[in-house]
N, C-alpha and C. Protein backbone atom coordinates (compact mmCIF):
# COMPACT_ATOMS: atom_id res chain seq x y z
N MET A 1 0.04 15.53 13.86
CA MET A 1 0.48 16.58 12.96
C MET A 1 0.46 16.02 11.53
N PRO A 2 -0.17 16.72 10.62
CA PRO A 2 -0.21 16.25 9.23
C PRO A 2 1.15 16.41 8.55
N LEU A 3 1.36 15.59 7.54
CA LEU A 3 2.59 15.73 6.75
C LEU A 3 2.52 17.02 5.95
N VAL A 4 3.66 17.67 5.78
CA VAL A 4 3.74 18.89 4.99
C VAL A 4 4.42 18.56 3.67
N GLU A 5 4.46 19.53 2.78
CA GLU A 5 4.97 19.29 1.43
C GLU A 5 6.41 18.76 1.42
N ASP A 6 7.26 19.29 2.31
CA ASP A 6 8.64 18.78 2.37
C ASP A 6 8.68 17.30 2.73
N ASP A 7 7.77 16.87 3.61
CA ASP A 7 7.71 15.44 3.98
C ASP A 7 7.34 14.59 2.77
N PHE A 8 6.35 15.04 2.01
CA PHE A 8 5.94 14.31 0.81
C PHE A 8 7.06 14.31 -0.24
N THR A 9 7.77 15.43 -0.35
CA THR A 9 8.88 15.50 -1.30
C THR A 9 9.96 14.49 -0.91
N LEU A 10 10.30 14.44 0.38
CA LEU A 10 11.31 13.49 0.81
C LEU A 10 10.82 12.05 0.64
N LEU A 11 9.56 11.78 0.91
CA LEU A 11 9.02 10.45 0.69
C LEU A 11 9.14 10.07 -0.78
N ARG A 12 8.87 11.02 -1.66
CA ARG A 12 9.00 10.74 -3.09
C ARG A 12 10.46 10.46 -3.47
N VAL A 13 11.38 11.24 -2.94
CA VAL A 13 12.80 11.03 -3.21
C VAL A 13 13.21 9.63 -2.76
N ILE A 14 12.82 9.26 -1.55
CA ILE A 14 13.17 7.94 -1.01
C ILE A 14 12.52 6.84 -1.85
N GLY A 15 11.24 7.00 -2.16
CA GLY A 15 10.55 6.00 -2.98
C GLY A 15 11.17 5.86 -4.36
N ASP A 16 11.48 6.98 -4.99
CA ASP A 16 12.11 6.93 -6.31
C ASP A 16 13.45 6.21 -6.26
N LEU A 17 14.26 6.51 -5.24
CA LEU A 17 15.56 5.85 -5.10
C LEU A 17 15.39 4.34 -4.88
N CYS A 18 14.44 3.98 -4.05
CA CYS A 18 14.21 2.55 -3.78
C CYS A 18 13.79 1.81 -5.05
N LEU A 19 12.90 2.40 -5.82
CA LEU A 19 12.47 1.75 -7.07
C LEU A 19 13.61 1.70 -8.08
N GLU A 20 14.36 2.79 -8.17
CA GLU A 20 15.48 2.84 -9.10
C GLU A 20 16.51 1.75 -8.79
N ARG A 21 16.72 1.50 -7.51
CA ARG A 21 17.73 0.52 -7.08
C ARG A 21 17.13 -0.85 -6.79
N ASP A 22 15.80 -0.93 -6.81
CA ASP A 22 15.09 -2.18 -6.49
C ASP A 22 15.49 -2.69 -5.11
N ASP A 23 15.54 -1.76 -4.16
CA ASP A 23 15.98 -2.09 -2.80
C ASP A 23 15.34 -1.09 -1.83
N GLN A 24 14.86 -1.58 -0.70
CA GLN A 24 14.24 -0.71 0.29
C GLN A 24 15.25 -0.05 1.22
N SER A 25 16.52 -0.44 1.13
CA SER A 25 17.56 0.08 2.00
C SER A 25 18.43 1.08 1.23
N LEU A 26 18.64 2.24 1.84
CA LEU A 26 19.39 3.30 1.18
C LEU A 26 20.48 3.86 2.08
N GLU A 27 21.54 4.34 1.43
CA GLU A 27 22.59 5.07 2.15
C GLU A 27 22.07 6.48 2.41
N PRO A 28 22.25 7.00 3.62
CA PRO A 28 21.74 8.34 3.93
C PRO A 28 22.33 9.44 3.04
N GLU A 29 23.59 9.27 2.63
CA GLU A 29 24.21 10.28 1.76
C GLU A 29 23.45 10.40 0.44
N ASP A 30 22.97 9.26 -0.08
CA ASP A 30 22.22 9.27 -1.33
C ASP A 30 20.87 9.96 -1.15
N VAL A 31 20.23 9.72 -0.01
CA VAL A 31 18.94 10.35 0.28
C VAL A 31 19.12 11.86 0.39
N VAL A 32 20.11 12.29 1.16
CA VAL A 32 20.34 13.72 1.36
C VAL A 32 20.72 14.40 0.05
N SER A 33 21.60 13.79 -0.71
CA SER A 33 22.03 14.38 -1.99
C SER A 33 20.85 14.53 -2.95
N SER A 34 20.05 13.49 -3.07
CA SER A 34 18.89 13.55 -3.97
C SER A 34 17.85 14.56 -3.49
N ALA A 35 17.67 14.63 -2.18
CA ALA A 35 16.71 15.60 -1.63
C ALA A 35 17.20 17.03 -1.87
N GLU A 36 18.47 17.26 -1.72
CA GLU A 36 19.02 18.59 -2.00
C GLU A 36 18.90 18.92 -3.49
N ASP A 37 19.05 17.91 -4.34
CA ASP A 37 18.91 18.12 -5.78
C ASP A 37 17.51 18.61 -6.17
N VAL A 38 16.49 18.24 -5.38
CA VAL A 38 15.12 18.70 -5.68
C VAL A 38 14.75 19.94 -4.87
N GLY A 39 15.74 20.54 -4.19
CA GLY A 39 15.51 21.82 -3.54
C GLY A 39 15.26 21.81 -2.05
N LEU A 40 15.36 20.67 -1.40
CA LEU A 40 15.18 20.65 0.06
C LEU A 40 16.48 21.07 0.75
N GLU A 41 16.35 21.83 1.81
CA GLU A 41 17.50 22.24 2.61
C GLU A 41 17.78 21.18 3.66
N ARG A 42 19.01 21.12 4.13
CA ARG A 42 19.41 20.07 5.07
C ARG A 42 18.54 20.06 6.32
N SER A 43 18.18 21.22 6.85
CA SER A 43 17.35 21.27 8.05
C SER A 43 15.97 20.68 7.79
N SER A 44 15.41 20.93 6.61
CA SER A 44 14.11 20.35 6.24
C SER A 44 14.22 18.84 6.05
N ILE A 45 15.33 18.41 5.50
CA ILE A 45 15.54 16.97 5.29
C ILE A 45 15.58 16.27 6.65
N ASP A 46 16.35 16.81 7.58
CA ASP A 46 16.46 16.20 8.91
C ASP A 46 15.11 16.16 9.62
N GLU A 47 14.37 17.27 9.52
CA GLU A 47 13.05 17.32 10.15
C GLU A 47 12.09 16.33 9.50
N SER A 48 12.10 16.26 8.17
CA SER A 48 11.21 15.34 7.47
C SER A 48 11.59 13.88 7.73
N LEU A 49 12.88 13.59 7.84
CA LEU A 49 13.29 12.23 8.20
C LEU A 49 12.69 11.84 9.56
N SER A 50 12.73 12.78 10.49
CA SER A 50 12.18 12.52 11.82
C SER A 50 10.66 12.28 11.76
N VAL A 51 9.97 13.10 10.99
CA VAL A 51 8.52 12.97 10.86
C VAL A 51 8.16 11.66 10.15
N LEU A 52 8.84 11.35 9.07
CA LEU A 52 8.56 10.10 8.33
C LEU A 52 8.86 8.88 9.20
N ARG A 53 9.90 8.97 10.00
CA ARG A 53 10.24 7.88 10.92
C ARG A 53 9.13 7.74 11.98
N HIS A 54 8.70 8.86 12.53
CA HIS A 54 7.64 8.84 13.55
C HIS A 54 6.35 8.25 12.98
N ARG A 55 6.05 8.52 11.73
CA ARG A 55 4.85 8.00 11.06
C ARG A 55 5.02 6.57 10.57
N ARG A 56 6.21 6.02 10.79
CA ARG A 56 6.56 4.65 10.38
C ARG A 56 6.53 4.45 8.86
N LEU A 57 6.82 5.53 8.14
CA LEU A 57 6.94 5.44 6.68
C LEU A 57 8.36 5.06 6.29
N ILE A 58 9.30 5.36 7.18
CA ILE A 58 10.68 4.92 7.02
C ILE A 58 11.17 4.40 8.37
N GLU A 59 12.26 3.65 8.31
CA GLU A 59 13.01 3.28 9.50
C GLU A 59 14.44 3.72 9.25
N THR A 60 15.15 3.98 10.33
CA THR A 60 16.55 4.37 10.19
C THR A 60 17.40 3.59 11.17
N LEU A 61 18.64 3.45 10.81
CA LEU A 61 19.64 2.89 11.71
C LEU A 61 20.60 4.01 12.04
N ASP A 62 20.75 4.28 13.32
CA ASP A 62 21.63 5.35 13.78
C ASP A 62 22.78 4.76 14.58
N SER A 63 23.93 5.42 14.49
CA SER A 63 25.09 4.99 15.29
C SER A 63 24.85 5.39 16.74
N ILE A 64 25.73 4.94 17.59
CA ILE A 64 25.62 5.26 19.01
C ILE A 64 25.71 6.76 19.27
N ASN A 65 26.39 7.50 18.38
CA ASN A 65 26.50 8.96 18.55
C ASN A 65 25.44 9.72 17.75
N GLY A 66 24.45 8.99 17.21
CA GLY A 66 23.33 9.63 16.53
C GLY A 66 23.51 9.84 15.04
N GLU A 67 24.62 9.39 14.48
CA GLU A 67 24.84 9.54 13.04
C GLU A 67 23.94 8.57 12.28
N LEU A 68 23.31 9.08 11.26
CA LEU A 68 22.42 8.28 10.43
C LEU A 68 23.25 7.34 9.55
N LEU A 69 22.98 6.02 9.66
CA LEU A 69 23.76 5.03 8.93
C LEU A 69 23.00 4.41 7.76
N GLU A 70 21.68 4.30 7.89
CA GLU A 70 20.90 3.66 6.84
C GLU A 70 19.44 4.12 6.94
N VAL A 71 18.77 4.15 5.79
CA VAL A 71 17.36 4.52 5.71
C VAL A 71 16.62 3.41 4.97
N TRP A 72 15.51 2.95 5.54
CA TRP A 72 14.67 1.94 4.90
C TRP A 72 13.28 2.50 4.66
N LEU A 73 12.74 2.22 3.52
CA LEU A 73 11.34 2.52 3.23
C LEU A 73 10.52 1.35 3.75
N THR A 74 9.59 1.61 4.65
CA THR A 74 8.76 0.54 5.22
C THR A 74 7.67 0.14 4.22
N ALA A 75 6.98 -0.95 4.52
CA ALA A 75 5.85 -1.37 3.69
C ALA A 75 4.78 -0.28 3.66
N THR A 76 4.54 0.34 4.80
CA THR A 76 3.57 1.44 4.85
C THR A 76 4.05 2.61 4.03
N GLY A 77 5.33 2.91 4.11
CA GLY A 77 5.89 4.01 3.32
C GLY A 77 5.82 3.75 1.84
N LEU A 78 6.12 2.52 1.42
CA LEU A 78 6.04 2.18 0.01
C LEU A 78 4.60 2.25 -0.48
N ASP A 79 3.67 1.82 0.36
CA ASP A 79 2.26 1.90 0.00
C ASP A 79 1.83 3.36 -0.17
N GLN A 80 2.21 4.23 0.77
CA GLN A 80 1.86 5.65 0.66
C GLN A 80 2.51 6.28 -0.57
N TYR A 81 3.76 5.93 -0.82
CA TYR A 81 4.46 6.42 -2.01
C TYR A 81 3.71 5.99 -3.27
N ALA A 82 3.40 4.71 -3.37
CA ALA A 82 2.74 4.19 -4.57
C ALA A 82 1.35 4.80 -4.76
N LEU A 83 0.59 4.93 -3.68
CA LEU A 83 -0.75 5.52 -3.78
C LEU A 83 -0.68 6.97 -4.25
N ARG A 84 0.32 7.69 -3.80
CA ARG A 84 0.43 9.12 -4.12
C ARG A 84 1.11 9.39 -5.46
N TYR A 85 2.11 8.56 -5.84
CA TYR A 85 2.94 8.90 -6.99
C TYR A 85 2.89 7.90 -8.15
N SER A 86 2.20 6.81 -8.00
CA SER A 86 2.12 5.82 -9.09
C SER A 86 0.70 5.75 -9.61
N ASP A 87 0.50 6.32 -10.80
CA ASP A 87 -0.85 6.38 -11.37
C ASP A 87 -1.48 5.00 -11.55
N GLY A 88 -0.70 3.99 -11.91
CA GLY A 88 -1.26 2.68 -12.19
C GLY A 88 -1.20 1.70 -11.04
N TYR A 89 -1.05 2.17 -9.81
CA TYR A 89 -0.88 1.27 -8.67
C TYR A 89 -2.10 0.37 -8.47
N GLY A 90 -3.28 0.91 -8.54
CA GLY A 90 -4.50 0.09 -8.39
C GLY A 90 -4.59 -0.97 -9.46
N ASP A 91 -4.28 -0.59 -10.70
CA ASP A 91 -4.28 -1.56 -11.80
C ASP A 91 -3.23 -2.64 -11.58
N LEU A 92 -2.08 -2.24 -11.06
CA LEU A 92 -1.01 -3.20 -10.78
C LEU A 92 -1.45 -4.21 -9.72
N LEU A 93 -2.15 -3.75 -8.68
CA LEU A 93 -2.66 -4.67 -7.66
C LEU A 93 -3.66 -5.65 -8.27
N ARG A 94 -4.53 -5.17 -9.13
CA ARG A 94 -5.50 -6.05 -9.79
C ARG A 94 -4.80 -7.05 -10.72
N GLU A 95 -3.80 -6.57 -11.45
CA GLU A 95 -3.05 -7.45 -12.34
C GLU A 95 -2.32 -8.54 -11.54
N ALA A 96 -1.76 -8.15 -10.41
CA ALA A 96 -1.08 -9.12 -9.54
C ALA A 96 -2.08 -10.15 -9.00
N ALA A 97 -3.25 -9.69 -8.61
CA ALA A 97 -4.27 -10.62 -8.11
C ALA A 97 -4.68 -11.60 -9.21
N ALA A 98 -4.82 -11.09 -10.42
CA ALA A 98 -5.20 -11.96 -11.55
C ALA A 98 -4.10 -13.00 -11.80
N TRP A 99 -2.85 -12.58 -11.76
CA TRP A 99 -1.76 -13.53 -12.00
C TRP A 99 -1.71 -14.57 -10.89
N LEU A 100 -1.82 -14.12 -9.64
CA LEU A 100 -1.77 -15.05 -8.51
C LEU A 100 -2.93 -16.04 -8.54
N ALA A 101 -4.08 -15.59 -9.04
CA ALA A 101 -5.25 -16.48 -9.11
C ALA A 101 -4.98 -17.68 -10.01
N GLY A 102 -4.09 -17.53 -10.96
CA GLY A 102 -3.79 -18.62 -11.87
C GLY A 102 -2.60 -19.48 -11.45
N GLN A 103 -2.04 -19.21 -10.28
CA GLN A 103 -0.85 -19.94 -9.82
C GLN A 103 -1.24 -21.08 -8.88
N ASP A 104 -0.26 -21.92 -8.63
CA ASP A 104 -0.40 -22.98 -7.63
C ASP A 104 -0.86 -22.34 -6.32
N PRO A 105 -1.96 -22.81 -5.75
CA PRO A 105 -2.46 -22.17 -4.53
C PRO A 105 -1.56 -22.35 -3.33
N HIS A 106 -0.54 -23.19 -3.46
CA HIS A 106 0.29 -23.48 -2.30
C HIS A 106 1.64 -22.80 -2.32
N TRP A 107 2.08 -22.26 -3.49
CA TRP A 107 3.43 -21.72 -3.52
C TRP A 107 3.70 -20.83 -4.74
N CYS A 108 4.25 -19.69 -4.54
CA CYS A 108 4.84 -18.85 -5.58
C CYS A 108 5.76 -17.86 -4.88
N THR A 109 6.58 -17.14 -5.64
CA THR A 109 7.51 -16.20 -5.01
C THR A 109 7.37 -14.81 -5.62
N SER A 110 7.90 -13.85 -4.89
CA SER A 110 7.90 -12.46 -5.36
C SER A 110 8.72 -12.32 -6.64
N ARG A 111 9.75 -13.10 -6.79
CA ARG A 111 10.57 -13.04 -8.02
C ARG A 111 9.73 -13.49 -9.22
N GLU A 112 8.94 -14.54 -9.05
CA GLU A 112 8.06 -15.00 -10.13
C GLU A 112 7.03 -13.94 -10.48
N LEU A 113 6.46 -13.32 -9.47
CA LEU A 113 5.48 -12.26 -9.69
C LEU A 113 6.12 -11.08 -10.42
N ALA A 114 7.30 -10.68 -9.99
CA ALA A 114 8.01 -9.56 -10.65
C ALA A 114 8.27 -9.88 -12.11
N SER A 115 8.72 -11.08 -12.39
CA SER A 115 9.00 -11.48 -13.77
C SER A 115 7.74 -11.51 -14.61
N ALA A 116 6.68 -12.06 -14.06
CA ALA A 116 5.42 -12.18 -14.80
C ALA A 116 4.82 -10.82 -15.14
N LEU A 117 4.95 -9.86 -14.23
CA LEU A 117 4.34 -8.54 -14.44
C LEU A 117 5.32 -7.53 -15.02
N GLY A 118 6.59 -7.89 -15.10
CA GLY A 118 7.59 -6.95 -15.63
C GLY A 118 7.81 -5.76 -14.72
N ILE A 119 7.83 -6.01 -13.41
CA ILE A 119 8.01 -4.93 -12.42
C ILE A 119 9.23 -5.22 -11.57
N GLN A 120 9.65 -4.21 -10.82
CA GLN A 120 10.77 -4.39 -9.91
C GLN A 120 10.38 -5.37 -8.80
N HIS A 121 11.39 -6.09 -8.33
CA HIS A 121 11.16 -7.05 -7.25
C HIS A 121 10.62 -6.37 -6.01
N ILE A 122 11.11 -5.18 -5.71
CA ILE A 122 10.66 -4.47 -4.51
C ILE A 122 9.13 -4.28 -4.54
N LEU A 123 8.58 -3.98 -5.71
CA LEU A 123 7.12 -3.82 -5.83
C LEU A 123 6.40 -5.15 -5.70
N ALA A 124 6.94 -6.18 -6.31
CA ALA A 124 6.31 -7.51 -6.22
C ALA A 124 6.28 -7.99 -4.78
N ALA A 125 7.39 -7.85 -4.07
CA ALA A 125 7.44 -8.26 -2.66
C ALA A 125 6.45 -7.43 -1.84
N HIS A 126 6.36 -6.14 -2.15
CA HIS A 126 5.42 -5.27 -1.43
C HIS A 126 3.97 -5.70 -1.68
N ILE A 127 3.64 -6.04 -2.90
CA ILE A 127 2.28 -6.48 -3.22
C ILE A 127 1.92 -7.73 -2.41
N LEU A 128 2.87 -8.65 -2.30
CA LEU A 128 2.61 -9.85 -1.49
C LEU A 128 2.38 -9.49 -0.03
N VAL A 129 3.13 -8.51 0.48
CA VAL A 129 2.93 -8.05 1.87
C VAL A 129 1.54 -7.44 2.02
N VAL A 130 1.12 -6.61 1.05
CA VAL A 130 -0.21 -6.00 1.10
C VAL A 130 -1.29 -7.09 1.09
N PHE A 131 -1.16 -8.05 0.19
CA PHE A 131 -2.16 -9.12 0.11
C PHE A 131 -2.15 -9.97 1.38
N SER A 132 -0.98 -10.19 1.95
CA SER A 132 -0.89 -10.94 3.21
C SER A 132 -1.60 -10.19 4.33
N SER A 133 -1.45 -8.86 4.37
CA SER A 133 -2.10 -8.07 5.42
C SER A 133 -3.62 -8.12 5.31
N ARG A 134 -4.11 -8.43 4.11
CA ARG A 134 -5.56 -8.57 3.91
C ARG A 134 -6.03 -10.00 4.16
N GLY A 135 -5.09 -10.89 4.49
CA GLY A 135 -5.43 -12.29 4.74
C GLY A 135 -5.63 -13.10 3.48
N TRP A 136 -5.13 -12.61 2.34
CA TRP A 136 -5.36 -13.26 1.05
C TRP A 136 -4.31 -14.32 0.74
N LEU A 137 -3.20 -14.30 1.45
CA LEU A 137 -2.16 -15.32 1.30
C LEU A 137 -1.30 -15.26 2.54
N ARG A 138 -0.42 -16.22 2.65
CA ARG A 138 0.50 -16.26 3.78
C ARG A 138 1.92 -16.13 3.25
N LEU A 139 2.75 -15.39 3.97
CA LEU A 139 4.16 -15.25 3.58
C LEU A 139 4.99 -16.24 4.37
N ALA A 140 5.86 -16.94 3.67
CA ALA A 140 6.80 -17.83 4.34
C ALA A 140 8.07 -17.06 4.63
N THR A 141 9.04 -17.70 5.26
CA THR A 141 10.31 -17.02 5.52
C THR A 141 11.02 -16.79 4.20
N GLN A 142 11.87 -15.78 4.16
CA GLN A 142 12.57 -15.46 2.92
C GLN A 142 13.54 -16.56 2.54
N GLU A 143 13.51 -16.92 1.27
CA GLU A 143 14.49 -17.89 0.76
C GLU A 143 15.69 -17.15 0.23
N SER A 144 16.72 -17.88 -0.17
CA SER A 144 17.93 -17.22 -0.64
C SER A 144 17.64 -16.38 -1.88
N GLY A 145 18.41 -15.35 -2.04
CA GLY A 145 18.21 -14.46 -3.17
C GLY A 145 17.18 -13.37 -2.90
N GLY A 146 16.65 -13.33 -1.70
CA GLY A 146 15.71 -12.29 -1.33
C GLY A 146 14.30 -12.46 -1.85
N ALA A 147 13.99 -13.58 -2.50
CA ALA A 147 12.63 -13.80 -2.98
C ALA A 147 11.72 -14.06 -1.79
N VAL A 148 10.53 -13.47 -1.81
CA VAL A 148 9.57 -13.68 -0.74
C VAL A 148 8.59 -14.75 -1.19
N PRO A 149 8.60 -15.90 -0.52
CA PRO A 149 7.66 -16.96 -0.90
C PRO A 149 6.27 -16.68 -0.33
N ALA A 150 5.27 -16.90 -1.15
CA ALA A 150 3.88 -16.77 -0.73
C ALA A 150 3.24 -18.14 -0.85
N CYS A 151 2.39 -18.45 0.09
CA CYS A 151 1.71 -19.74 0.05
C CYS A 151 0.28 -19.57 0.53
N ASP A 152 -0.49 -20.61 0.37
CA ASP A 152 -1.88 -20.64 0.83
C ASP A 152 -2.69 -19.46 0.28
N ILE A 153 -2.68 -19.33 -1.04
CA ILE A 153 -3.45 -18.27 -1.70
C ILE A 153 -4.93 -18.56 -1.45
N SER A 154 -5.62 -17.58 -0.90
CA SER A 154 -7.00 -17.79 -0.44
C SER A 154 -8.00 -17.78 -1.59
N PRO A 155 -9.15 -18.42 -1.36
CA PRO A 155 -10.23 -18.34 -2.35
C PRO A 155 -10.66 -16.90 -2.62
N GLU A 156 -10.58 -16.04 -1.60
CA GLU A 156 -10.97 -14.63 -1.78
C GLU A 156 -10.04 -13.94 -2.78
N LEU A 157 -8.73 -14.17 -2.68
CA LEU A 157 -7.79 -13.58 -3.63
C LEU A 157 -8.07 -14.14 -5.02
N ARG A 158 -8.36 -15.42 -5.12
CA ARG A 158 -8.68 -16.01 -6.42
C ARG A 158 -9.92 -15.34 -7.03
N ARG A 159 -10.92 -15.05 -6.20
CA ARG A 159 -12.12 -14.35 -6.70
C ARG A 159 -11.76 -12.96 -7.22
N VAL A 160 -10.96 -12.24 -6.44
CA VAL A 160 -10.54 -10.89 -6.86
C VAL A 160 -9.79 -10.98 -8.17
N GLY A 161 -8.88 -11.94 -8.25
CA GLY A 161 -8.09 -12.11 -9.47
C GLY A 161 -8.93 -12.48 -10.67
N HIS A 162 -9.86 -13.41 -10.49
CA HIS A 162 -10.72 -13.81 -11.60
C HIS A 162 -11.65 -12.68 -12.01
N ALA A 163 -12.12 -11.89 -11.06
CA ALA A 163 -12.96 -10.72 -11.39
C ALA A 163 -12.15 -9.70 -12.20
N SER A 164 -10.88 -9.53 -11.84
CA SER A 164 -10.02 -8.61 -12.58
C SER A 164 -9.80 -9.10 -14.00
N GLU A 165 -9.63 -10.41 -14.17
CA GLU A 165 -9.44 -10.97 -15.53
C GLU A 165 -10.69 -10.74 -16.36
N ARG A 166 -11.85 -10.95 -15.78
CA ARG A 166 -13.11 -10.79 -16.52
C ARG A 166 -13.36 -9.33 -16.91
N SER A 167 -12.93 -8.40 -16.05
CA SER A 167 -13.18 -6.99 -16.34
C SER A 167 -12.14 -6.41 -17.28
N GLY A 168 -11.09 -7.20 -17.55
CA GLY A 168 -10.07 -6.73 -18.50
C GLY A 168 -8.98 -5.92 -17.88
N SER A 169 -8.90 -5.86 -16.54
CA SER A 169 -7.83 -5.09 -15.87
C SER A 169 -6.58 -5.89 -15.83
């Protein structure tokens, strides 16, 4: 079943909240309140939460009696959000590749990437996950403070980054 407009609206609400708070984890009351503020009815919100969860765009934590306790935007959900609602997402990926190409090939963190690009940590960590899924670097376990360490930056990522620098992106 394809996503409908209410699903996209709720994805945007969740994505906006996550970026605003620089955190992928949200209180359900905040999600519902913000969704209602943009005109979604509670029944549509519940249905869209179910659809987004089924599509693995979000994850939820429910109590034993079914009460919604927490909502997380997944890496796939953040990617879909960014592709649909962030005009400069492709440029941001190229800029991140260019920055990473100039770093120590064995170690850098999402916090360093966020600082260098002037973006939220949630986006920097997500970019590292995207690049890792392409085999361009490896993610280590999270260190304290929530920074995501990246290591073993591949020659392929360096090529992408250097090509981006040459093209002026």
